[in-house]
PDB file of N, CA and C in Angstrom:
ATOM      1  N   MET A   1      20.021-205.063 131.855  1.00  0.00           N
ATOM      2  CA  MET A   1      20.066-205.775 133.118  1.00  0.00           C
ATOM      3  C   MET A   1      21.034-205.101 134.080  1.00  0.00           C
ATOM      4  N   LYS A   2      22.175-204.612 133.547  1.00  0.00           N
ATOM      5  CA  LYS A   2      23.137-203.921 134.393  1.00  0.00           C
ATOM      6  C   LYS A   2      22.548-202.622 134.936  1.00  0.00           C
ATOM      7  N   LEU A   3      21.756-201.953 134.116  1.00  0.00           N
ATOM      8  CA  LEU A   3      21.140-200.702 134.542  1.00  0.00           C
ATOM      9  C   LEU A   3      20.179-200.943 135.707  1.00  0.00           C
ATOM     10  N   ALA A   4      19.377-201.976 135.630  1.00  0.00           N
ATOM     11  CA  ALA A   4      18.436-202.291 136.704  1.00  0.00           C
ATOM     12  C   ALA A   4      19.188-202.649 137.989  1.00  0.00           C
ATOM     13  N   GLY A   5      20.260-203.373 137.876  1.00  0.00           N
ATOM     14  CA  GLY A   5      21.076-203.721 139.054  1.00  0.00           C
ATOM     15  C   GLY A   5      21.710-202.489 139.677  1.00  0.00           C
ATOM     16  N   GLY A   6      22.176-201.576 138.850  1.00  0.00           N
ATOM     17  CA  GLY A   6      22.770-200.338 139.360  1.00  0.00           C
ATOM     18  C   GLY A   6      21.750-199.467 140.069  1.00  0.00           C
ATOM     19  N   ILE A   7      20.572-199.346 139.477  1.00  0.00           N
ATOM     20  CA  ILE A   7      19.507-198.556 140.100  1.00  0.00           C
ATOM     21  C   ILE A   7      19.087-199.193 141.426  1.00  0.00           C
ATOM     22  N   LEU A   8      18.959-200.501 141.446  1.00  0.00           N
ATOM     23  CA  LEU A   8      18.590-201.202 142.681  1.00  0.00           C
ATOM     24  C   LEU A   8      19.646-201.005 143.765  1.00  0.00           C
ATOM     25  N   THR A   9      20.912-201.026 143.388  1.00  0.00           N
ATOM     26  CA  THR A   9      21.997-200.821 144.346  1.00  0.00           C
ATOM     27  C   THR A   9      21.954-199.407 144.926  1.00  0.00           C
ATOM     28  N   VAL A  10      21.740-198.418 144.078  1.00  0.00           N
ATOM     29  CA  VAL A  10      21.666-197.030 144.539  1.00  0.00           C
ATOM     30  C   VAL A  10      20.471-196.837 145.465  1.00  0.00           C
ATOM     31  N   LEU A  11      19.327-197.395 145.121  1.00  0.00           N
ATOM     32  CA  LEU A  11      18.142-197.276 145.966  1.00  0.00           C
ATOM     33  C   LEU A  11      18.344-197.964 147.313  1.00  0.00           C
ATOM     34  N   LEU A  12      18.977-199.104 147.315  1.00  0.00           N
ATOM     35  CA  LEU A  12      19.250-199.819 148.557  1.00  0.00           C
ATOM     36  C   LEU A  12      20.211-199.020 149.436  1.00  0.00           C
ATOM     37  N   ALA A  13      21.243-198.456 148.853  1.00  0.00           N
ATOM     38  CA  ALA A  13      22.190-197.645 149.619  1.00  0.00           C
ATOM     39  C   ALA A  13      21.501-196.405 150.187  1.00  0.00           C
ATOM     40  N   ALA A  14      20.617-195.768 149.430  1.00  0.00           N
ATOM     41  CA  ALA A  14      19.891-194.597 149.912  1.00  0.00           C
ATOM     42  C   ALA A  14      18.961-194.982 151.066  1.00  0.00           C
ATOM     43  N   ALA A  15      18.326-196.133 150.981  1.00  0.00           N
ATOM     44  CA  ALA A  15      17.434-196.585 152.047  1.00  0.00           C
ATOM     45  C   ALA A  15      18.212-196.860 153.332  1.00  0.00           C
ATOM     46  N   VAL A  16      19.374-197.464 153.222  1.00  0.00           N
ATOM     47  CA  VAL A  16      20.201-197.737 154.396  1.00  0.00           C
ATOM     48  C   VAL A  16      20.682-196.422 155.015  1.00  0.00           C
ATOM     49  N   LEU A  17      21.107-195.475 154.202  1.00  0.00           N
ATOM     50  CA  LEU A  17      21.555-194.177 154.709  1.00  0.00           C
ATOM     51  C   LEU A  17      20.419-193.442 155.415  1.00  0.00           C
ATOM     52  N   LEU A  18      19.244-193.457 154.848  1.00  0.00           N
ATOM     53  CA  LEU A  18      18.084-192.809 155.453  1.00  0.00           C
ATOM     54  C   LEU A  18      17.733-193.470 156.789  1.00  0.00           C
ATOM     55  N   ALA A  19      17.781-194.778 156.837  1.00  0.00           N
ATOM     56  CA  ALA A  19      17.488-195.488 158.082  1.00  0.00           C
ATOM     57  C   ALA A  19      18.512-195.138 159.162  1.00  0.00           C
ATOM     58  N   LEU A  20      19.776-195.015 158.796  1.00  0.00           N
ATOM     59  CA  LEU A  20      20.800-194.641 159.770  1.00  0.00           C
ATOM     60  C   LEU A  20      20.595-193.218 160.285  1.00  0.00           C
ATOM     61  N   LEU A  21      20.199-192.312 159.425  1.00  0.00           N
ATOM     62  CA  LEU A  21      19.944-190.934 159.845  1.00  0.00           C
ATOM     63  C   LEU A  21      18.758-190.864 160.806  1.00  0.00           C
ATOM     64  N   ILE A  22      17.694-191.577 160.492  1.00  0.00           N
ATOM     65  CA  ILE A  22      16.507-191.580 161.353  1.00  0.00           C
ATOM     66  C   ILE A  22      16.835-192.229 162.693  1.00  0.00           C
ATOM     67  N   PHE A  23      17.547-193.334 162.677  1.00  0.00           N
ATOM     68  CA  PHE A  23      17.905-194.035 163.908  1.00  0.00           C
ATOM     69  C   PHE A  23      18.829-193.167 164.761  1.00  0.00           C
ATOM     70  N   GLY A  24      19.743-192.447 164.146  1.00  0.00           N
ATOM     71  CA  GLY A  24      20.669-191.579 164.877  1.00  0.00           C
ATOM     72  C   GLY A  24      19.945-190.458 165.582  1.00  0.00           C
ATOM     73  N   GLN A  25      18.939-189.869 164.963  1.00  0.00           N
ATOM     74  CA  GLN A  25      18.188-188.802 165.605  1.00  0.00           C
ATOM     75  C   GLN A  25      17.293-189.338 166.698  1.00  0.00           C
ATOM     76  N   ALA A  26      16.776-190.510 166.545  1.00  0.00           N
ATOM     77  CA  ALA A  26      15.914-191.096 167.566  1.00  0.00           C
ATOM     78  C   ALA A  26      16.715-191.416 168.827  1.00  0.00           C
ATOM     79  N   ARG A  27      17.974-191.760 168.685  1.00  0.00           N
ATOM     80  CA  ARG A  27      18.799-192.101 169.833  1.00  0.00           C
ATOM     81  C   ARG A  27      19.261-190.876 170.601  1.00  0.00           C
ATOM     82  N   GLN A  28      19.143-189.677 170.040  1.00  0.00           N
ATOM     83  CA  GLN A  28      19.632-188.483 170.690  1.00  0.00           C
ATOM     84  C   GLN A  28      18.620-187.866 171.645  1.00  0.00           C
ATOM     85  N   SER A  29      17.569-188.554 171.969  1.00  0.00           N
ATOM     86  CA  SER A  29      16.592-188.007 172.899  1.00  0.00           C
ATOM     87  C   SER A  29      17.203-188.002 174.302  1.00  0.00           C
ATOM     88  N   PRO A  30      16.825-187.035 175.143  1.00  0.00           N
ATOM     89  CA  PRO A  30      17.409-186.937 176.478  1.00  0.00           C
ATOM     90  C   PRO A  30      17.009-188.118 177.350  1.00  0.00           C
ATOM     91  N   THR A  31      17.889-188.434 178.271  1.00  0.00           N
ATOM     92  CA  THR A  31      17.603-189.539 179.178  1.00  0.00           C
ATOM     93  C   THR A  31      16.855-189.017 180.395  1.00  0.00           C
ATOM     94  N   CYS A  32      16.110-189.869 181.013  1.00  0.00           N
ATOM     95  CA  CYS A  32      15.350-189.512 182.209  1.00  0.00           C
ATOM     96  C   CYS A  32      16.024-190.155 183.413  1.00  0.00           C
ATOM     97  N   GLY A  33      16.786-189.353 184.126  1.00  0.00           N
ATOM     98  CA  GLY A  33      17.432-189.848 185.324  1.00  0.00           C
ATOM     99  C   GLY A  33      16.589-189.618 186.567  1.00  0.00           C
ATOM    100  N   SER A  34      15.552-188.808 186.452  1.00  0.00           N
ATOM    101  CA  SER A  34      14.669-188.519 187.585  1.00  0.00           C
ATOM    102  C   SER A  34      13.232-188.475 187.085  1.00  0.00           C
ATOM    103  N   GLN A  35      12.333-187.912 187.874  1.00  0.00           N
ATOM    104  CA  GLN A  35      10.925-187.846 187.494  1.00  0.00           C
ATOM    105  C   GLN A  35      10.644-186.759 186.463  1.00  0.00           C
ATOM    106  N   VAL A  36      11.475-185.694 186.450  1.00  0.00           N
ATOM    107  CA  VAL A  36      11.257-184.561 185.559  1.00  0.00           C
ATOM    108  C   VAL A  36      12.554-184.245 184.831  1.00  0.00           C
ATOM    109  N   ALA A  37      12.468-183.960 183.544  1.00  0.00           N
ATOM    110  CA  ALA A  37      13.623-183.555 182.750  1.00  0.00           C
ATOM    111  C   ALA A  37      13.298-182.235 182.069  1.00  0.00           C
ATOM    112  N   ILE A  38      14.286-181.354 181.963  1.00  0.00           N
ATOM    113  CA  ILE A  38      14.116-180.088 181.260  1.00  0.00           C
ATOM    114  C   ILE A  38      14.875-180.192 179.943  1.00  0.00           C
ATOM    115  N   VAL A  39      14.158-179.999 178.842  1.00  0.00           N
ATOM    116  CA  VAL A  39      14.731-180.124 177.503  1.00  0.00           C
ATOM    117  C   VAL A  39      14.414-178.869 176.697  1.00  0.00           C
ATOM    118  N   LYS A  40      15.090-178.730 175.540  1.00  0.00           N
ATOM    119  CA  LYS A  40      14.796-177.620 174.641  1.00  0.00           C
ATOM    120  C   LYS A  40      13.674-178.022 173.703  1.00  0.00           C
ATOM    121  N   GLY A  41      12.720-177.112 173.535  1.00  0.00           N
ATOM    122  CA  GLY A  41      11.608-177.353 172.632  1.00  0.00           C
ATOM    123  C   GLY A  41      11.997-177.070 171.193  1.00  0.00           C
ATOM    124  N   PRO A  42      11.070-177.203 170.251  1.00  0.00           N
ATOM    125  CA  PRO A  42      11.365-176.990 168.832  1.00  0.00           C
ATOM    126  C   PRO A  42      11.854-175.578 168.516  1.00  0.00           C
ATOM    127  N   ALA A  43      11.364-174.580 169.247  1.00  0.00           N
ATOM    128  CA  ALA A  43      11.775-173.196 169.006  1.00  0.00           C
ATOM    129  C   ALA A  43      12.933-172.787 169.917  1.00  0.00           C
ATOM    130  N   GLY A  44      13.475-173.703 170.691  1.00  0.00           N
ATOM    131  CA  GLY A  44      14.589-173.417 171.574  1.00  0.00           C
ATOM    132  C   GLY A  44      14.186-173.053 172.993  1.00  0.00           C
ATOM    133  N   GLN A  45      12.904-172.942 173.271  1.00  0.00           N
ATOM    134  CA  GLN A  45      12.438-172.606 174.607  1.00  0.00           C
ATOM    135  C   GLN A  45      12.527-173.837 175.506  1.00  0.00           C
ATOM    136  N   PRO A  46      12.731-173.650 176.825  1.00  0.00           N
ATOM    137  CA  PRO A  46      12.802-174.807 177.719  1.00  0.00           C
ATOM    138  C   PRO A  46      11.419-175.432 177.934  1.00  0.00           C
ATOM    139  N   LEU A  47      11.405-176.744 178.025  1.00  0.00           N
ATOM    140  CA  LEU A  47      10.181-177.486 178.322  1.00  0.00           C
ATOM    141  C   LEU A  47      10.463-178.419 179.493  1.00  0.00           C
ATOM    142  N   GLU A  48       9.491-178.559 180.374  1.00  0.00           N
ATOM    143  CA  GLU A  48       9.585-179.539 181.444  1.00  0.00           C
ATOM    144  C   GLU A  48       8.853-180.793 180.987  1.00  0.00           C
ATOM    145  N   CYS A  49       9.511-181.926 181.105  1.00  0.00           N
ATOM    146  CA  CYS A  49       8.915-183.187 180.663  1.00  0.00           C
ATOM    147  C   CYS A  49       8.854-184.168 181.833  1.00  0.00           C
ATOM    148  N   VAL A  50       7.762-184.867 181.930  1.00  0.00           N
ATOM    149  CA  VAL A  50       7.577-185.900 182.945  1.00  0.00           C
ATOM    150  C   VAL A  50       8.114-187.205 182.388  1.00  0.00           C
ATOM    151  N   CYS A  51       8.888-187.907 183.214  1.00  0.00           N
ATOM    152  CA  CYS A  51       9.462-189.188 182.793  1.00  0.00           C
ATOM    153  C   CYS A  51       8.611-190.336 183.322  1.00  0.00           C
ATOM    154  N   PHE A  52       8.378-191.314 182.476  1.00  0.00           N
ATOM    155  CA  PHE A  52       7.617-192.501 182.868  1.00  0.00           C
ATOM    156  C   PHE A  52       8.373-193.721 182.373  1.00  0.00           C
ATOM    157  N   GLU A  53       8.805-194.564 183.293  1.00  0.00           N
ATOM    158  CA  GLU A  53       9.559-195.777 182.990  1.00  0.00           C
ATOM    159  C   GLU A  53      10.794-195.481 182.146  1.00  0.00           C
ATOM    160  N   GLY A  54      11.505-194.398 182.454  1.00  0.00           N
ATOM    161  CA  GLY A  54      12.766-194.087 181.800  1.00  0.00           C
ATOM    162  C   GLY A  54      12.682-193.361 180.478  1.00  0.00           C
ATOM    163  N   SER A  55      11.490-192.961 180.036  1.00  0.00           N
ATOM    164  CA  SER A  55      11.374-192.223 178.778  1.00  0.00           C
ATOM    165  C   SER A  55      10.451-191.027 178.968  1.00  0.00           C
ATOM    166  N   LEU A  56      10.627-190.018 178.097  1.00  0.00           N
ATOM    167  CA  LEU A  56       9.810-188.818 178.198  1.00  0.00           C
ATOM    168  C   LEU A  56       8.354-189.151 177.902  1.00  0.00           C
ATOM    169  N   SER A  57       7.468-188.655 178.738  1.00  0.00           N
ATOM    170  CA  SER A  57       6.059-188.964 178.572  1.00  0.00           C
ATOM    171  C   SER A  57       5.273-187.745 178.124  1.00  0.00           C
ATOM    172  N   THR A  58       5.240-186.698 178.945  1.00  0.00           N
ATOM    173  CA  THR A  58       4.463-185.496 178.648  1.00  0.00           C
ATOM    174  C   THR A  58       5.343-184.283 178.885  1.00  0.00           C
ATOM    175  N   CYS A  59       5.291-183.306 177.975  1.00  0.00           N
ATOM    176  CA  CYS A  59       6.072-182.086 178.106  1.00  0.00           C
ATOM    177  C   CYS A  59       5.140-180.884 178.144  1.00  0.00           C
ATOM    178  N   PHE A  60       5.540-179.859 178.914  1.00  0.00           N
ATOM    179  CA  PHE A  60       4.732-178.649 179.031  1.00  0.00           C
ATOM    180  C   PHE A  60       5.652-177.474 179.303  1.00  0.00           C
ATOM    181  N   ASP A  61       5.128-176.255 179.105  1.00  0.00           N
ATOM    182  CA  ASP A  61       5.889-175.038 179.380  1.00  0.00           C
ATOM    183  C   ASP A  61       6.135-174.928 180.877  1.00  0.00           C
ATOM    184  N   PRO A  62       7.357-174.558 181.284  1.00  0.00           N
ATOM    185  CA  PRO A  62       7.631-174.406 182.718  1.00  0.00           C
ATOM    186  C   PRO A  62       6.880-173.207 183.279  1.00  0.00           C
ATOM    187  N   GLY A  63       6.528-173.298 184.497  1.00  0.00           N
ATOM    188  CA  GLY A  63       5.814-172.196 185.139  1.00  0.00           C
ATOM    189  C   GLY A  63       5.445-172.542 186.559  1.00  0.00           C
ATOM    190  N   PRO A  64       4.833-171.598 187.255  1.00  0.00           N
ATOM    191  CA  PRO A  64       4.463-171.848 188.648  1.00  0.00           C
ATOM    192  C   PRO A  64       3.351-172.855 188.810  1.00  0.00           C
TER     193      PRO A  64
END
């Protein structure tokens, strides 16, 4: 019985830690103070993103 309680405690702690990590990364998204925001893409290249109601909506490569 003690073993099952210990395993349950470890699993619960791991789930809470994982949730905090996911929530922390979700909060680090750039804010939209205007209609367009320039952010770094997955490979480090700049992307222009259109803001809609305060959040990023569509992103594309910058260009003419």
